[in-house]
Amino acid sequence: MANLFYYDLIVRAMKTALLVSAPVLIISLTVGFMVSIFQAVTQINDATISFIPKIVAVIVALLIFFPWMLQVMCDFTRGIILGIPMAAGG
């Protein structure tokens, strides 16, 4: 029974990590793709140009999604804490 709990914990941890990181990663990927298209069209090959838009996009994404991300992480942590008796065999 405890082995099933640990397996479920690992699966939920991976799903939570993917779910929490997805919005920021998708926005960063999209902005990076748009900047690279802009660089290809204008033939500007400066590597530092892509950093500022991506940093700004990630900060904005964190400001928008942080309350939701925090709620997901708190729910996951609450589930772990409430599952301690089950992991201990009780």
C-alpha atoms as a PDB file:
ATOM      1  CA  MET A   1       0.000   0.000   0.000  1.00  0.00           C
ATOM      2  CA  ALA A   2       2.807   2.429   0.850  1.00  0.00           C
ATOM      3  CA  ASN A   3       4.575   1.667  -2.443  1.00  0.00           C
ATOM      4  CA  LEU A   4       1.472   2.781  -4.307  1.00  0.00           C
ATOM      5  CA  PHE A   5       1.487   5.998  -2.297  1.00  0.00           C
ATOM      6  CA  TYR A   6       5.101   6.711  -3.250  1.00  0.00           C
ATOM      7  CA  TYR A   7       4.437   5.983  -6.909  1.00  0.00           C
ATOM      8  CA  ASP A   8       1.425   8.292  -6.849  1.00  0.00           C
ATOM      9  CA  LEU A   9       3.514  10.953  -5.094  1.00  0.00           C
ATOM     10  CA  ILE A  10       6.203  10.831  -7.788  1.00  0.00           C
ATOM     11  CA  VAL A  11       3.633  11.027 -10.582  1.00  0.00           C
ATOM     12  CA  ARG A  12       1.844  13.955  -8.925  1.00  0.00           C
ATOM     13  CA  ALA A  13       5.153  15.739  -8.320  1.00  0.00           C
ATOM     14  CA  MET A  14       6.106  15.473 -11.994  1.00  0.00           C
ATOM     15  CA  LYS A  15       2.668  16.588 -13.149  1.00  0.00           C
ATOM     16  CA  THR A  16       2.734  19.529 -10.736  1.00  0.00           C
ATOM     17  CA  ALA A  17       6.208  20.577 -11.895  1.00  0.00           C
ATOM     18  CA  LEU A  18       5.110  20.479 -15.541  1.00  0.00           C
ATOM     19  CA  LEU A  19       1.869  22.290 -14.805  1.00  0.00           C
ATOM     20  CA  VAL A  20       3.535  25.064 -12.802  1.00  0.00           C
ATOM     21  CA  SER A  21       6.381  25.646 -15.251  1.00  0.00           C
ATOM     22  CA  ALA A  22       4.329  25.387 -18.456  1.00  0.00           C
ATOM     23  CA  PRO A  23       2.921  28.949 -18.692  1.00  0.00           C
ATOM     24  CA  VAL A  24       6.294  30.640 -18.221  1.00  0.00           C
ATOM     25  CA  LEU A  25       8.088  28.237 -20.555  1.00  0.00           C
ATOM     26  CA  ILE A  26       5.475  28.550 -23.292  1.00  0.00           C
ATOM     27  CA  ILE A  27       5.523  32.346 -23.149  1.00  0.00           C
ATOM     28  CA  SER A  28       9.331  32.408 -23.149  1.00  0.00           C
ATOM     29  CA  LEU A  29       9.423  30.018 -26.107  1.00  0.00           C
ATOM     30  CA  THR A  30       6.885  32.080 -28.038  1.00  0.00           C
ATOM     31  CA  VAL A  31       8.698  35.380 -27.428  1.00  0.00           C
ATOM     32  CA  GLY A  32      12.045  33.794 -28.318  1.00  0.00           C
ATOM     33  CA  PHE A  33      10.568  32.422 -31.538  1.00  0.00           C
ATOM     34  CA  MET A  34       9.119  35.823 -32.489  1.00  0.00           C
ATOM     35  CA  VAL A  35      12.429  37.564 -31.759  1.00  0.00           C
ATOM     36  CA  SER A  36      14.339  35.010 -33.837  1.00  0.00           C
ATOM     37  CA  ILE A  37      11.945  35.527 -36.752  1.00  0.00           C
ATOM     38  CA  PHE A  38      12.430  39.285 -36.404  1.00  0.00           C
ATOM     39  CA  GLN A  39      16.207  38.797 -36.388  1.00  0.00           C
ATOM     40  CA  ALA A  40      16.039  36.572 -39.461  1.00  0.00           C
ATOM     41  CA  VAL A  41      13.905  39.068 -41.369  1.00  0.00           C
ATOM     42  CA  THR A  42      16.052  42.079 -40.467  1.00  0.00           C
ATOM     43  CA  GLN A  43      19.341  40.109 -40.621  1.00  0.00           C
ATOM     44  CA  ILE A  44      20.364  41.344 -37.174  1.00  0.00           C
ATOM     45  CA  ASN A  45      22.563  38.622 -35.695  1.00  0.00           C
ATOM     46  CA  ASP A  46      23.109  39.927 -32.197  1.00  0.00           C
ATOM     47  CA  ALA A  47      22.605  37.339 -29.468  1.00  0.00           C
ATOM     48  CA  THR A  48      21.841  39.925 -26.776  1.00  0.00           C
ATOM     49  CA  ILE A  49      18.714  41.220 -28.534  1.00  0.00           C
ATOM     50  CA  SER A  50      16.685  38.153 -27.543  1.00  0.00           C
ATOM     51  CA  PHE A  51      17.433  38.431 -23.802  1.00  0.00           C
ATOM     52  CA  ILE A  52      15.547  41.613 -22.933  1.00  0.00           C
ATOM     53  CA  PRO A  53      12.191  40.677 -24.533  1.00  0.00           C
ATOM     54  CA  LYS A  54      12.353  37.196 -22.996  1.00  0.00           C
ATOM     55  CA  ILE A  55      13.201  38.547 -19.548  1.00  0.00           C
ATOM     56  CA  VAL A  56      10.341  41.047 -19.728  1.00  0.00           C
ATOM     57  CA  ALA A  57       7.937  38.351 -20.960  1.00  0.00           C
ATOM     58  CA  VAL A  58       8.947  35.966 -18.169  1.00  0.00           C
ATOM     59  CA  ILE A  59       8.518  38.681 -15.521  1.00  0.00           C
ATOM     60  CA  VAL A  60       5.066  39.580 -16.887  1.00  0.00           C
ATOM     61  CA  ALA A  61       4.120  35.886 -17.045  1.00  0.00           C
ATOM     62  CA  LEU A  62       5.211  35.395 -13.443  1.00  0.00           C
ATOM     63  CA  LEU A  63       3.211  38.431 -12.339  1.00  0.00           C
ATOM     64  CA  ILE A  64       0.127  37.098 -14.093  1.00  0.00           C
ATOM     65  CA  PHE A  65       0.421  33.391 -13.262  1.00  0.00           C
ATOM     66  CA  PHE A  66       2.094  33.487  -9.822  1.00  0.00           C
ATOM     67  CA  PRO A  67      -1.132  33.377  -7.755  1.00  0.00           C
ATOM     68  CA  TRP A  68      -2.289  30.322  -9.694  1.00  0.00           C
ATOM     69  CA  MET A  69       1.168  28.705  -9.508  1.00  0.00           C
ATOM     70  CA  LEU A  70       1.266  29.287  -5.758  1.00  0.00           C
ATOM     71  CA  GLN A  71      -2.187  27.735  -5.335  1.00  0.00           C
ATOM     72  CA  VAL A  72      -1.166  24.623  -7.291  1.00  0.00           C
ATOM     73  CA  MET A  73       2.017  24.241  -5.234  1.00  0.00           C
ATOM     74  CA  CYS A  74       0.134  24.758  -1.956  1.00  0.00           C
ATOM     75  CA  ASP A  75      -2.449  22.129  -2.923  1.00  0.00           C
ATOM     76  CA  PHE A  76       0.338  19.688  -3.768  1.00  0.00           C
ATOM     77  CA  THR A  77       2.127  20.383  -0.479  1.00  0.00           C
ATOM     78  CA  ARG A  78      -1.129  20.029   1.454  1.00  0.00           C
ATOM     79  CA  GLY A  79      -1.677  16.645  -0.214  1.00  0.00           C
ATOM     80  CA  ILE A  80       1.793  15.504   0.802  1.00  0.00           C
ATOM     81  CA  ILE A  81       1.315  16.588   4.406  1.00  0.00           C
ATOM     82  CA  LEU A  82      -2.101  14.943   4.651  1.00  0.00           C
ATOM     83  CA  GLY A  83      -0.647  11.747   3.138  1.00  0.00           C
ATOM     84  CA  ILE A  84       2.082  11.332   5.752  1.00  0.00           C
ATOM     85  CA  PRO A  85      -0.024   8.989   7.951  1.00  0.00           C
ATOM     86  CA  MET A  86      -0.691   6.782   4.947  1.00  0.00           C
ATOM     87  CA  ALA A  87       3.017   6.669   4.070  1.00  0.00           C
ATOM     88  CA  ALA A  88       3.844   5.747   7.650  1.00  0.00           C
ATOM     89  CA  GLY A  89       1.512   2.788   7.401  1.00  0.00           C
ATOM     90  CA  GLY A  90      -1.276   4.188   9.524  1.00  0.00           C
END
